[in-house]
Structures are given as structure tokens and as C-alpha cells.
């Protein structure tokens, strides 16, 4: 964990937004929900430490993977508050998410490999459907794509991961 120098580099919101590829309003939102923090100048303007760029990159990548902001916040809350997070800090988060990301990859692979066959929706509109669902029998077992959901649940259960990082 690297300690901050008293002369740490502070950036204006516009500079951070441009460098991170987000809108200034996104910075304000991230700050509002506790994902990032800023300080106020004597003129009451926000400034962000330069290392917030790495945190924003982490947030955006995790969001693209389908991770909820709540889970992202839980992870970020484990980082040191007054020090720049180091390689060990990021590696710890990576280890915690590894099994759940692997389960998510398996779910997406099952979706990719089976989506064109039949998702078991019960619509009966596909004349070439390899799975017959007369009278919407699958609808009696719940909503959604019953067969695909069952396959993904079996895959997830096989890996031993019951909870989802992505809910």
C-alpha cells in the first residue's frame, strides 16, 4: 500500500471525466453512492486524487461484466482509504471474485451455445423447435426460459457457486 504524499496530484472533475471517458455527472453519481470521493477547494470546487482514474476504470470494467454497483462498492470499501491502492489490494479483490466470474463465464457460454436451439420460453411459435412444449407445460414450472435457466443452474451448481455476484 503506497502512502499519499502531501503534494498528491489533484484533478478537476472535467479532467477526470475526460481521462476516464465518463461524464462529469457520472463522477457525481459515483461519489453520491460512495464509490469515489473528492475534496473541496477553498472555492468549494471538487477535486479528485489522480488515482481515482484506476478506481473508475475498475468500476466501468466491473459494470461491463454485469457486476452490480452494490458489489462494486463492497469491493472498493476494502481498499485503503487514505492510501493509494497497490497491486496486492487489487489482487485480493480479484481472488474474491474469481469463482463468481468463472460461473458467470459458464452461464454466458451456455447461453451462447444453446440460444439458437430453443430457450424453452413456451411461445410455441418456432416450428423447428427441437423441444416440444405442448400446452406450455414449462410455464407450470415458473417464468422465463425454463430449459436454459435449468442448464445454467446445473452448470453453476457443478462449480459449487450458489450465490451470484451479478444480482
N, C-alpha and C. Protein backbone atom coordinates (compact mmCIF):
# COMPACT_ATOMS: atom_id res chain seq x y z
N UNK A 1 0.85 -1.16 0.00
CA UNK A 1 0.00 0.00 0.00
C UNK A 1 0.90 1.24 0.00
N UNK A 2 0.74 2.12 -0.99
CA UNK A 2 1.55 3.30 -1.15
C UNK A 2 0.92 4.47 -0.43
N UNK A 3 1.69 5.14 0.42
CA UNK A 3 1.17 6.30 1.13
C UNK A 3 1.10 7.50 0.19
N UNK A 4 0.10 8.33 0.42
CA UNK A 4 -0.04 9.55 -0.38
C UNK A 4 0.93 10.61 0.11
N UNK A 5 1.57 11.27 -0.81
CA UNK A 5 2.38 12.43 -0.46
C UNK A 5 1.45 13.58 -0.17
N UNK A 6 1.92 14.53 0.62
CA UNK A 6 1.09 15.69 0.91
C UNK A 6 0.86 16.51 -0.35
N UNK A 7 1.73 16.37 -1.34
CA UNK A 7 1.55 17.10 -2.59
C UNK A 7 0.99 16.20 -3.69
N UNK A 8 0.09 15.27 -3.30
CA UNK A 8 -0.55 14.38 -4.27
C UNK A 8 -1.21 15.20 -5.37
N UNK A 9 -1.27 14.60 -6.55
CA UNK A 9 -1.86 15.29 -7.69
C UNK A 9 -3.38 15.24 -7.59
N UNK A 10 -4.00 16.41 -7.66
CA UNK A 10 -5.45 16.52 -7.61
C UNK A 10 -5.94 17.04 -8.95
N UNK A 11 -7.00 16.46 -9.44
CA UNK A 11 -7.53 16.82 -10.75
C UNK A 11 -8.93 17.39 -10.62
N UNK A 12 -9.26 18.26 -11.54
CA UNK A 12 -10.61 18.83 -11.60
C UNK A 12 -11.56 17.80 -12.21
N UNK A 13 -12.85 17.90 -11.91
CA UNK A 13 -13.82 16.93 -12.44
C UNK A 13 -13.75 16.79 -13.97
N UNK A 14 -13.62 17.88 -14.68
CA UNK A 14 -13.54 17.80 -16.14
C UNK A 14 -12.33 17.03 -16.62
N UNK A 15 -11.22 17.18 -15.92
CA UNK A 15 -10.01 16.44 -16.29
C UNK A 15 -10.18 14.94 -16.06
N UNK A 16 -10.78 14.61 -14.91
CA UNK A 16 -11.01 13.19 -14.59
C UNK A 16 -11.99 12.59 -15.59
N UNK A 17 -13.08 13.31 -15.86
CA UNK A 17 -14.10 12.81 -16.78
C UNK A 17 -13.52 12.55 -18.16
N UNK A 18 -12.74 13.50 -18.65
CA UNK A 18 -12.15 13.34 -19.98
C UNK A 18 -11.20 12.15 -20.02
N UNK A 19 -10.33 12.05 -19.02
CA UNK A 19 -9.35 10.97 -18.99
C UNK A 19 -10.00 9.60 -18.79
N UNK A 20 -11.07 9.55 -17.98
CA UNK A 20 -11.73 8.28 -17.67
C UNK A 20 -12.78 7.90 -18.70
N UNK A 21 -13.17 8.84 -19.55
CA UNK A 21 -14.17 8.54 -20.57
C UNK A 21 -15.58 8.48 -20.02
N UNK A 22 -15.85 9.26 -18.99
CA UNK A 22 -17.20 9.32 -18.41
C UNK A 22 -17.64 10.77 -18.34
N UNK A 23 -18.93 10.97 -18.13
CA UNK A 23 -19.45 12.32 -17.96
C UNK A 23 -19.17 12.80 -16.54
N UNK A 24 -19.09 14.09 -16.37
CA UNK A 24 -18.90 14.66 -15.04
C UNK A 24 -20.06 14.22 -14.13
N UNK A 25 -21.25 14.12 -14.70
CA UNK A 25 -22.41 13.68 -13.90
C UNK A 25 -22.19 12.26 -13.37
N UNK A 26 -21.48 11.42 -14.11
CA UNK A 26 -21.18 10.06 -13.64
C UNK A 26 -20.26 10.13 -12.42
N UNK A 27 -19.30 11.04 -12.46
CA UNK A 27 -18.42 11.22 -11.29
C UNK A 27 -19.24 11.61 -10.07
N UNK A 28 -20.16 12.55 -10.26
CA UNK A 28 -21.00 12.99 -9.15
C UNK A 28 -21.85 11.84 -8.63
N UNK A 29 -22.38 11.03 -9.54
CA UNK A 29 -23.18 9.87 -9.13
C UNK A 29 -22.32 8.86 -8.38
N UNK A 30 -21.16 8.53 -8.91
CA UNK A 30 -20.26 7.59 -8.23
C UNK A 30 -19.93 8.10 -6.83
N UNK A 31 -19.74 9.38 -6.72
CA UNK A 31 -19.44 9.96 -5.41
C UNK A 31 -20.67 9.88 -4.49
N UNK A 32 -21.82 10.16 -5.04
CA UNK A 32 -23.07 10.12 -4.26
C UNK A 32 -23.33 8.73 -3.66
N UNK A 33 -23.04 7.68 -4.43
CA UNK A 33 -23.28 6.32 -3.94
C UNK A 33 -22.07 5.74 -3.20
N UNK A 34 -21.03 6.52 -3.03
CA UNK A 34 -19.90 6.12 -2.21
C UNK A 34 -18.83 5.31 -2.90
N UNK A 35 -18.77 5.36 -4.23
CA UNK A 35 -17.74 4.61 -4.95
C UNK A 35 -16.42 5.37 -5.02
N UNK A 36 -16.49 6.67 -5.11
CA UNK A 36 -15.29 7.51 -5.14
C UNK A 36 -15.51 8.68 -4.18
N UNK A 37 -14.44 9.42 -3.92
CA UNK A 37 -14.57 10.60 -3.06
C UNK A 37 -13.74 11.74 -3.64
N UNK A 38 -14.07 12.92 -3.19
CA UNK A 38 -13.35 14.11 -3.63
C UNK A 38 -13.09 15.00 -2.42
N UNK A 39 -12.32 16.03 -2.64
CA UNK A 39 -12.17 17.06 -1.61
C UNK A 39 -12.70 18.35 -2.19
N UNK A 40 -12.92 19.30 -1.35
CA UNK A 40 -13.39 20.62 -1.78
C UNK A 40 -12.27 21.63 -1.61
N UNK A 41 -12.12 22.48 -2.62
CA UNK A 41 -11.14 23.55 -2.55
C UNK A 41 -11.69 24.68 -1.69
N UNK A 42 -10.88 25.69 -1.46
CA UNK A 42 -11.36 26.85 -0.70
C UNK A 42 -12.49 27.55 -1.43
N UNK A 43 -12.55 27.39 -2.75
CA UNK A 43 -13.63 27.95 -3.55
C UNK A 43 -14.82 26.99 -3.67
N UNK A 44 -14.83 25.94 -2.87
CA UNK A 44 -15.89 24.94 -2.82
C UNK A 44 -16.05 24.16 -4.13
N UNK A 45 -14.96 23.96 -4.84
CA UNK A 45 -14.98 23.15 -6.06
C UNK A 45 -14.40 21.77 -5.74
N UNK A 46 -14.93 20.77 -6.43
CA UNK A 46 -14.45 19.40 -6.23
C UNK A 46 -13.08 19.21 -6.86
N UNK A 47 -12.29 18.36 -6.24
CA UNK A 47 -11.05 17.87 -6.80
C UNK A 47 -10.93 16.39 -6.44
N UNK A 48 -10.38 15.62 -7.39
CA UNK A 48 -10.21 14.19 -7.19
C UNK A 48 -8.72 13.85 -7.23
N UNK A 49 -8.32 12.89 -6.36
CA UNK A 49 -6.94 12.41 -6.46
C UNK A 49 -6.77 11.70 -7.78
N UNK A 50 -5.59 11.79 -8.34
CA UNK A 50 -5.33 11.20 -9.65
C UNK A 50 -5.58 9.68 -9.65
N UNK A 51 -5.37 9.01 -8.54
CA UNK A 51 -5.56 7.56 -8.52
C UNK A 51 -7.03 7.17 -8.65
N UNK A 52 -7.95 8.13 -8.63
CA UNK A 52 -9.36 7.82 -8.84
C UNK A 52 -9.58 7.28 -10.26
N UNK A 53 -8.66 7.59 -11.17
CA UNK A 53 -8.76 7.08 -12.55
C UNK A 53 -8.74 5.55 -12.57
N UNK A 54 -7.89 4.95 -11.75
CA UNK A 54 -7.82 3.48 -11.68
C UNK A 54 -9.11 2.92 -11.09
N UNK A 55 -9.65 3.59 -10.09
CA UNK A 55 -10.90 3.15 -9.46
C UNK A 55 -12.05 3.21 -10.47
N UNK A 56 -12.11 4.30 -11.24
CA UNK A 56 -13.16 4.44 -12.25
C UNK A 56 -13.02 3.37 -13.33
N UNK A 57 -11.80 3.08 -13.73
CA UNK A 57 -11.58 2.01 -14.72
C UNK A 57 -12.09 0.68 -14.17
N UNK A 58 -11.83 0.43 -12.90
CA UNK A 58 -12.31 -0.79 -12.24
C UNK A 58 -13.84 -0.82 -12.23
N UNK A 59 -14.47 0.29 -11.87
CA UNK A 59 -15.93 0.38 -11.82
C UNK A 59 -16.52 0.09 -13.19
N UNK A 60 -16.00 0.75 -14.21
CA UNK A 60 -16.56 0.58 -15.56
C UNK A 60 -16.38 -0.83 -16.09
N UNK A 61 -15.22 -1.43 -15.81
CA UNK A 61 -14.98 -2.80 -16.27
C UNK A 61 -15.92 -3.77 -15.55
N UNK A 62 -16.05 -3.61 -14.24
CA UNK A 62 -16.93 -4.48 -13.48
C UNK A 62 -18.38 -4.33 -13.95
N UNK A 63 -18.81 -3.11 -14.25
CA UNK A 63 -20.16 -2.90 -14.76
C UNK A 63 -20.36 -3.61 -16.10
N UNK A 64 -19.36 -3.54 -16.98
CA UNK A 64 -19.46 -4.22 -18.28
C UNK A 64 -19.59 -5.73 -18.10
N UNK A 65 -19.04 -6.25 -17.02
CA UNK A 65 -19.13 -7.68 -16.73
C UNK A 65 -20.45 -8.03 -16.05
N UNK A 66 -21.26 -7.02 -15.77
CA UNK A 66 -22.56 -7.27 -15.15
C UNK A 66 -22.56 -7.24 -13.64
N UNK A 67 -21.50 -6.76 -13.04
CA UNK A 67 -21.43 -6.69 -11.58
C UNK A 67 -22.24 -5.48 -11.12
N UNK A 68 -23.04 -5.69 -10.09
CA UNK A 68 -23.88 -4.60 -9.57
C UNK A 68 -23.04 -3.55 -8.87
N UNK A 69 -23.54 -2.32 -8.82
CA UNK A 69 -22.82 -1.26 -8.13
C UNK A 69 -22.68 -1.58 -6.64
N UNK A 70 -23.63 -2.29 -6.09
CA UNK A 70 -23.55 -2.68 -4.67
C UNK A 70 -22.34 -3.58 -4.43
N UNK A 71 -22.13 -4.56 -5.31
CA UNK A 71 -20.98 -5.45 -5.18
C UNK A 71 -19.67 -4.70 -5.44
N UNK A 72 -19.70 -3.77 -6.38
CA UNK A 72 -18.51 -2.98 -6.65
C UNK A 72 -18.16 -2.15 -5.42
N UNK A 73 -19.17 -1.55 -4.80
CA UNK A 73 -18.94 -0.75 -3.59
C UNK A 73 -18.37 -1.61 -2.47
N UNK A 74 -18.92 -2.82 -2.30
CA UNK A 74 -18.40 -3.72 -1.27
C UNK A 74 -16.91 -3.97 -1.47
N UNK A 75 -16.51 -4.17 -2.73
CA UNK A 75 -15.11 -4.42 -3.03
C UNK A 75 -14.27 -3.17 -2.76
N UNK A 76 -14.75 -2.03 -3.22
CA UNK A 76 -14.00 -0.78 -3.03
C UNK A 76 -13.88 -0.40 -1.56
N UNK A 77 -14.87 -0.77 -0.76
CA UNK A 77 -14.81 -0.47 0.67
C UNK A 77 -13.66 -1.20 1.36
N UNK A 78 -13.12 -2.23 0.72
CA UNK A 78 -11.99 -2.98 1.28
C UNK A 78 -10.64 -2.33 0.98
N UNK A 79 -10.65 -1.35 0.09
CA UNK A 79 -9.39 -0.68 -0.27
C UNK A 79 -9.02 0.35 0.80
N UNK A 80 -7.73 0.62 0.93
CA UNK A 80 -7.32 1.62 1.92
C UNK A 80 -7.88 2.99 1.59
N UNK A 81 -8.32 3.70 2.62
CA UNK A 81 -9.00 4.97 2.38
C UNK A 81 -8.02 6.13 2.15
N UNK A 82 -6.97 6.20 2.90
CA UNK A 82 -6.05 7.33 2.80
C UNK A 82 -4.75 6.98 2.09
N UNK A 83 -4.74 5.88 1.41
CA UNK A 83 -3.53 5.47 0.68
C UNK A 83 -3.94 5.01 -0.71
N UNK A 84 -3.00 5.08 -1.62
CA UNK A 84 -3.25 4.61 -2.98
C UNK A 84 -3.27 3.09 -2.97
N UNK A 85 -4.34 2.47 -3.47
CA UNK A 85 -4.38 1.00 -3.51
C UNK A 85 -3.23 0.45 -4.35
N UNK A 86 -2.60 -0.58 -3.84
CA UNK A 86 -1.48 -1.20 -4.55
C UNK A 86 -1.89 -2.49 -5.22
N UNK A 87 -0.90 -3.13 -5.81
CA UNK A 87 -1.14 -4.37 -6.56
C UNK A 87 -1.77 -5.44 -5.67
N UNK A 88 -1.31 -5.55 -4.43
CA UNK A 88 -1.86 -6.55 -3.51
C UNK A 88 -3.35 -6.31 -3.22
N UNK A 89 -3.73 -5.05 -3.10
CA UNK A 89 -5.14 -4.71 -2.85
C UNK A 89 -6.01 -5.17 -4.00
N UNK A 90 -5.59 -4.87 -5.23
CA UNK A 90 -6.38 -5.26 -6.40
C UNK A 90 -6.38 -6.78 -6.57
N UNK A 91 -5.27 -7.43 -6.26
CA UNK A 91 -5.20 -8.90 -6.37
C UNK A 91 -6.15 -9.57 -5.38
N UNK A 92 -6.29 -8.99 -4.19
CA UNK A 92 -7.21 -9.55 -3.19
C UNK A 92 -8.64 -9.52 -3.72
N UNK A 93 -9.04 -8.41 -4.32
CA UNK A 93 -10.39 -8.31 -4.89
C UNK A 93 -10.55 -9.32 -6.02
N UNK A 94 -9.53 -9.44 -6.85
CA UNK A 94 -9.58 -10.38 -7.97
C UNK A 94 -9.80 -11.81 -7.47
N UNK A 95 -9.09 -12.20 -6.42
CA UNK A 95 -9.25 -13.55 -5.86
C UNK A 95 -10.67 -13.77 -5.34
N UNK A 96 -11.23 -12.75 -4.72
CA UNK A 96 -12.58 -12.88 -4.16
C UNK A 96 -13.62 -13.07 -5.25
N UNK A 97 -13.42 -12.47 -6.40
CA UNK A 97 -14.40 -12.52 -7.49
C UNK A 97 -14.16 -13.66 -8.45
N UNK A 98 -13.04 -14.32 -8.37
CA UNK A 98 -12.65 -15.31 -9.38
C UNK A 98 -13.70 -16.40 -9.62
N UNK A 99 -14.15 -17.07 -8.57
CA UNK A 99 -15.11 -18.16 -8.73
C UNK A 99 -16.43 -17.66 -9.30
N UNK A 100 -16.88 -16.52 -8.85
CA UNK A 100 -18.15 -16.00 -9.35
C UNK A 100 -18.04 -15.55 -10.81
N UNK A 101 -16.89 -15.00 -11.18
CA UNK A 101 -16.69 -14.64 -12.59
C UNK A 101 -16.62 -15.88 -13.47
N UNK A 102 -15.98 -16.93 -12.96
CA UNK A 102 -15.91 -18.18 -13.70
C UNK A 102 -17.31 -18.75 -13.92
N UNK A 103 -18.15 -18.71 -12.89
CA UNK A 103 -19.53 -19.19 -13.02
C UNK A 103 -20.28 -18.35 -14.04
N UNK A 104 -20.05 -17.06 -14.04
CA UNK A 104 -20.72 -16.16 -14.99
C UNK A 104 -20.28 -16.50 -16.43
N UNK A 105 -19.00 -16.76 -16.61
CA UNK A 105 -18.48 -17.14 -17.93
C UNK A 105 -19.18 -18.42 -18.41
N UNK A 106 -19.34 -19.40 -17.51
CA UNK A 106 -20.01 -20.64 -17.87
C UNK A 106 -21.47 -20.38 -18.26
N UNK A 107 -22.14 -19.48 -17.54
CA UNK A 107 -23.53 -19.14 -17.86
C UNK A 107 -23.62 -18.50 -19.24
N UNK A 108 -22.71 -17.59 -19.52
CA UNK A 108 -22.72 -16.92 -20.83
C UNK A 108 -22.38 -17.90 -21.95
N UNK A 109 -21.48 -18.83 -21.68
CA UNK A 109 -21.14 -19.83 -22.68
C UNK A 109 -22.35 -20.72 -22.98
N UNK A 110 -23.07 -21.12 -21.93
CA UNK A 110 -24.28 -21.93 -22.13
C UNK A 110 -25.31 -21.14 -22.92
N UNK A 111 -25.45 -19.87 -22.64
CA UNK A 111 -26.39 -19.04 -23.38
C UNK A 111 -25.99 -18.98 -24.86
N UNK A 112 -24.73 -18.73 -25.11
CA UNK A 112 -24.24 -18.65 -26.50
C UNK A 112 -24.46 -19.96 -27.23
N UNK A 113 -24.14 -21.07 -26.59
CA UNK A 113 -24.20 -22.37 -27.26
C UNK A 113 -25.61 -22.91 -27.44
N UNK A 114 -26.55 -22.48 -26.62
CA UNK A 114 -27.89 -23.06 -26.66
C UNK A 114 -28.98 -22.09 -27.07
N UNK A 115 -28.67 -20.86 -27.23
CA UNK A 115 -29.69 -19.86 -27.50
C UNK A 115 -30.41 -20.08 -28.82
N UNK A 116 -29.69 -20.51 -29.84
CA UNK A 116 -30.31 -20.65 -31.16
C UNK A 116 -31.21 -21.87 -31.26
N UNK A 117 -31.05 -22.84 -30.36
CA UNK A 117 -31.92 -24.02 -30.38
C UNK A 117 -33.31 -23.64 -29.90
N UNK A 118 -33.46 -23.54 -28.64
CA UNK A 118 -34.75 -23.18 -28.05
C UNK A 118 -34.48 -22.73 -26.63
N UNK A 119 -35.02 -21.63 -26.26
CA UNK A 119 -34.80 -21.15 -24.90
C UNK A 119 -35.89 -21.59 -23.95
N UNK A 120 -36.81 -22.44 -24.44
CA UNK A 120 -37.83 -23.02 -23.58
C UNK A 120 -38.79 -21.99 -23.04
N UNK A 121 -39.14 -21.03 -23.87
CA UNK A 121 -40.00 -19.95 -23.38
C UNK A 121 -41.47 -20.31 -23.38
N UNK A 122 -41.85 -21.34 -24.08
CA UNK A 122 -43.24 -21.74 -24.11
C UNK A 122 -44.07 -21.00 -25.14
N UNK A 123 -43.44 -20.28 -26.05
CA UNK A 123 -44.21 -19.48 -27.01
C UNK A 123 -44.82 -20.33 -28.12
N UNK A 124 -44.27 -21.50 -28.38
CA UNK A 124 -44.75 -22.43 -29.40
C UNK A 124 -44.77 -21.83 -30.81
N UNK A 125 -44.04 -20.76 -31.01
CA UNK A 125 -44.05 -20.12 -32.32
C UNK A 125 -42.97 -20.64 -33.24
N UNK A 126 -42.06 -21.42 -32.74
CA UNK A 126 -40.98 -21.92 -33.57
C UNK A 126 -41.34 -23.30 -34.12
N UNK A 127 -41.60 -23.37 -35.41
CA UNK A 127 -42.00 -24.66 -35.99
C UNK A 127 -40.85 -25.65 -35.99
N UNK A 128 -39.63 -25.18 -35.95
CA UNK A 128 -38.50 -26.09 -35.97
C UNK A 128 -37.95 -26.35 -34.56
N UNK A 129 -38.70 -26.02 -33.55
CA UNK A 129 -38.23 -26.17 -32.17
C UNK A 129 -37.94 -27.63 -31.86
N UNK A 130 -36.73 -27.95 -31.43
CA UNK A 130 -36.39 -29.34 -31.12
C UNK A 130 -37.02 -29.81 -29.82
N UNK A 131 -37.57 -28.90 -29.05
CA UNK A 131 -38.19 -29.25 -27.78
C UNK A 131 -39.68 -28.93 -27.86
N UNK A 132 -40.50 -29.93 -27.77
CA UNK A 132 -41.93 -29.70 -27.81
C UNK A 132 -42.38 -29.25 -26.42
N UNK A 133 -43.24 -28.27 -26.40
CA UNK A 133 -43.76 -27.76 -25.14
C UNK A 133 -45.28 -27.63 -25.27
N UNK A 134 -45.97 -28.75 -25.50
CA UNK A 134 -47.41 -28.66 -25.69
C UNK A 134 -48.11 -28.09 -24.46
N UNK A 135 -49.09 -27.25 -24.73
CA UNK A 135 -49.89 -26.63 -23.68
C UNK A 135 -49.04 -25.87 -22.66
N UNK A 136 -47.89 -25.43 -23.09
CA UNK A 136 -47.00 -24.64 -22.24
C UNK A 136 -46.73 -25.32 -20.89
N UNK A 137 -46.35 -26.57 -20.95
CA UNK A 137 -46.04 -27.33 -19.73
C UNK A 137 -44.96 -26.63 -18.91
N UNK A 138 -43.97 -26.07 -19.61
CA UNK A 138 -42.87 -25.41 -18.90
C UNK A 138 -43.36 -24.20 -18.10
N UNK A 139 -44.43 -23.58 -18.55
CA UNK A 139 -44.97 -22.44 -17.84
C UNK A 139 -45.45 -22.79 -16.44
N UNK A 140 -45.77 -24.05 -16.21
CA UNK A 140 -46.21 -24.50 -14.89
C UNK A 140 -45.06 -24.56 -13.90
N UNK A 141 -43.85 -24.53 -14.42
CA UNK A 141 -42.66 -24.64 -13.57
C UNK A 141 -42.02 -23.28 -13.28
N UNK A 142 -42.61 -22.23 -13.76
CA UNK A 142 -42.08 -20.90 -13.48
C UNK A 142 -41.98 -20.06 -14.73
N UNK A 143 -41.54 -18.84 -14.54
CA UNK A 143 -41.43 -17.90 -15.64
C UNK A 143 -40.07 -17.99 -16.31
N UNK A 144 -39.96 -17.36 -17.45
CA UNK A 144 -38.68 -17.25 -18.13
C UNK A 144 -38.31 -18.46 -18.96
N UNK A 145 -37.07 -18.48 -19.38
CA UNK A 145 -36.54 -19.53 -20.24
C UNK A 145 -36.20 -20.74 -19.37
N UNK A 146 -37.16 -21.61 -19.15
CA UNK A 146 -37.02 -22.72 -18.20
C UNK A 146 -35.87 -23.66 -18.53
N UNK A 147 -35.75 -24.10 -19.76
CA UNK A 147 -34.70 -25.06 -20.08
C UNK A 147 -33.31 -24.43 -20.00
N UNK A 148 -33.17 -23.24 -20.51
CA UNK A 148 -31.88 -22.57 -20.45
C UNK A 148 -31.52 -22.25 -19.01
N UNK A 149 -32.48 -21.76 -18.24
CA UNK A 149 -32.24 -21.45 -16.84
C UNK A 149 -31.81 -22.70 -16.09
N UNK A 150 -32.46 -23.83 -16.37
CA UNK A 150 -32.11 -25.09 -15.72
C UNK A 150 -30.69 -25.49 -16.06
N UNK A 151 -30.30 -25.35 -17.34
CA UNK A 151 -28.93 -25.70 -17.75
C UNK A 151 -27.91 -24.84 -17.04
N UNK A 152 -28.20 -23.54 -16.96
CA UNK A 152 -27.26 -22.63 -16.32
C UNK A 152 -27.18 -22.92 -14.82
N UNK A 153 -28.29 -23.26 -14.19
CA UNK A 153 -28.28 -23.59 -12.77
C UNK A 153 -27.47 -24.85 -12.53
N UNK A 154 -27.63 -25.86 -13.40
CA UNK A 154 -26.85 -27.08 -13.26
C UNK A 154 -25.37 -26.79 -13.40
N UNK A 155 -25.02 -25.93 -14.33
CA UNK A 155 -23.62 -25.56 -14.54
C UNK A 155 -23.08 -24.83 -13.31
N UNK A 156 -23.86 -23.92 -12.78
CA UNK A 156 -23.43 -23.16 -11.61
C UNK A 156 -23.31 -24.07 -10.40
N UNK A 157 -24.25 -24.99 -10.23
CA UNK A 157 -24.21 -25.91 -9.10
C UNK A 157 -22.98 -26.81 -9.20
N UNK A 158 -22.62 -27.21 -10.43
CA UNK A 158 -21.45 -28.05 -10.65
C UNK A 158 -20.18 -27.36 -10.17
N UNK A 159 -20.11 -26.03 -10.32
CA UNK A 159 -18.91 -25.31 -9.89
C UNK A 159 -18.92 -25.04 -8.40
N UNK A 160 -20.06 -25.32 -7.74
CA UNK A 160 -20.15 -25.08 -6.32
C UNK A 160 -20.48 -23.65 -5.96
N UNK A 161 -20.78 -22.83 -6.93
CA UNK A 161 -21.10 -21.44 -6.69
C UNK A 161 -22.61 -21.29 -6.71
N UNK A 162 -23.19 -21.03 -5.54
CA UNK A 162 -24.64 -20.92 -5.46
C UNK A 162 -25.10 -19.47 -5.50
N UNK A 163 -24.32 -18.57 -4.94
CA UNK A 163 -24.72 -17.17 -4.93
C UNK A 163 -24.19 -16.48 -6.16
N UNK A 164 -24.84 -15.42 -6.57
CA UNK A 164 -24.41 -14.73 -7.77
C UNK A 164 -23.89 -13.34 -7.45
N UNK A 165 -22.78 -13.04 -7.99
CA UNK A 165 -22.18 -11.72 -7.86
C UNK A 165 -22.97 -10.70 -8.66
N UNK A 166 -23.75 -11.17 -9.60
CA UNK A 166 -24.34 -10.30 -10.59
C UNK A 166 -25.79 -9.96 -10.33
N UNK A 167 -26.31 -10.32 -9.17
CA UNK A 167 -27.71 -9.99 -8.88
C UNK A 167 -27.82 -8.71 -8.11
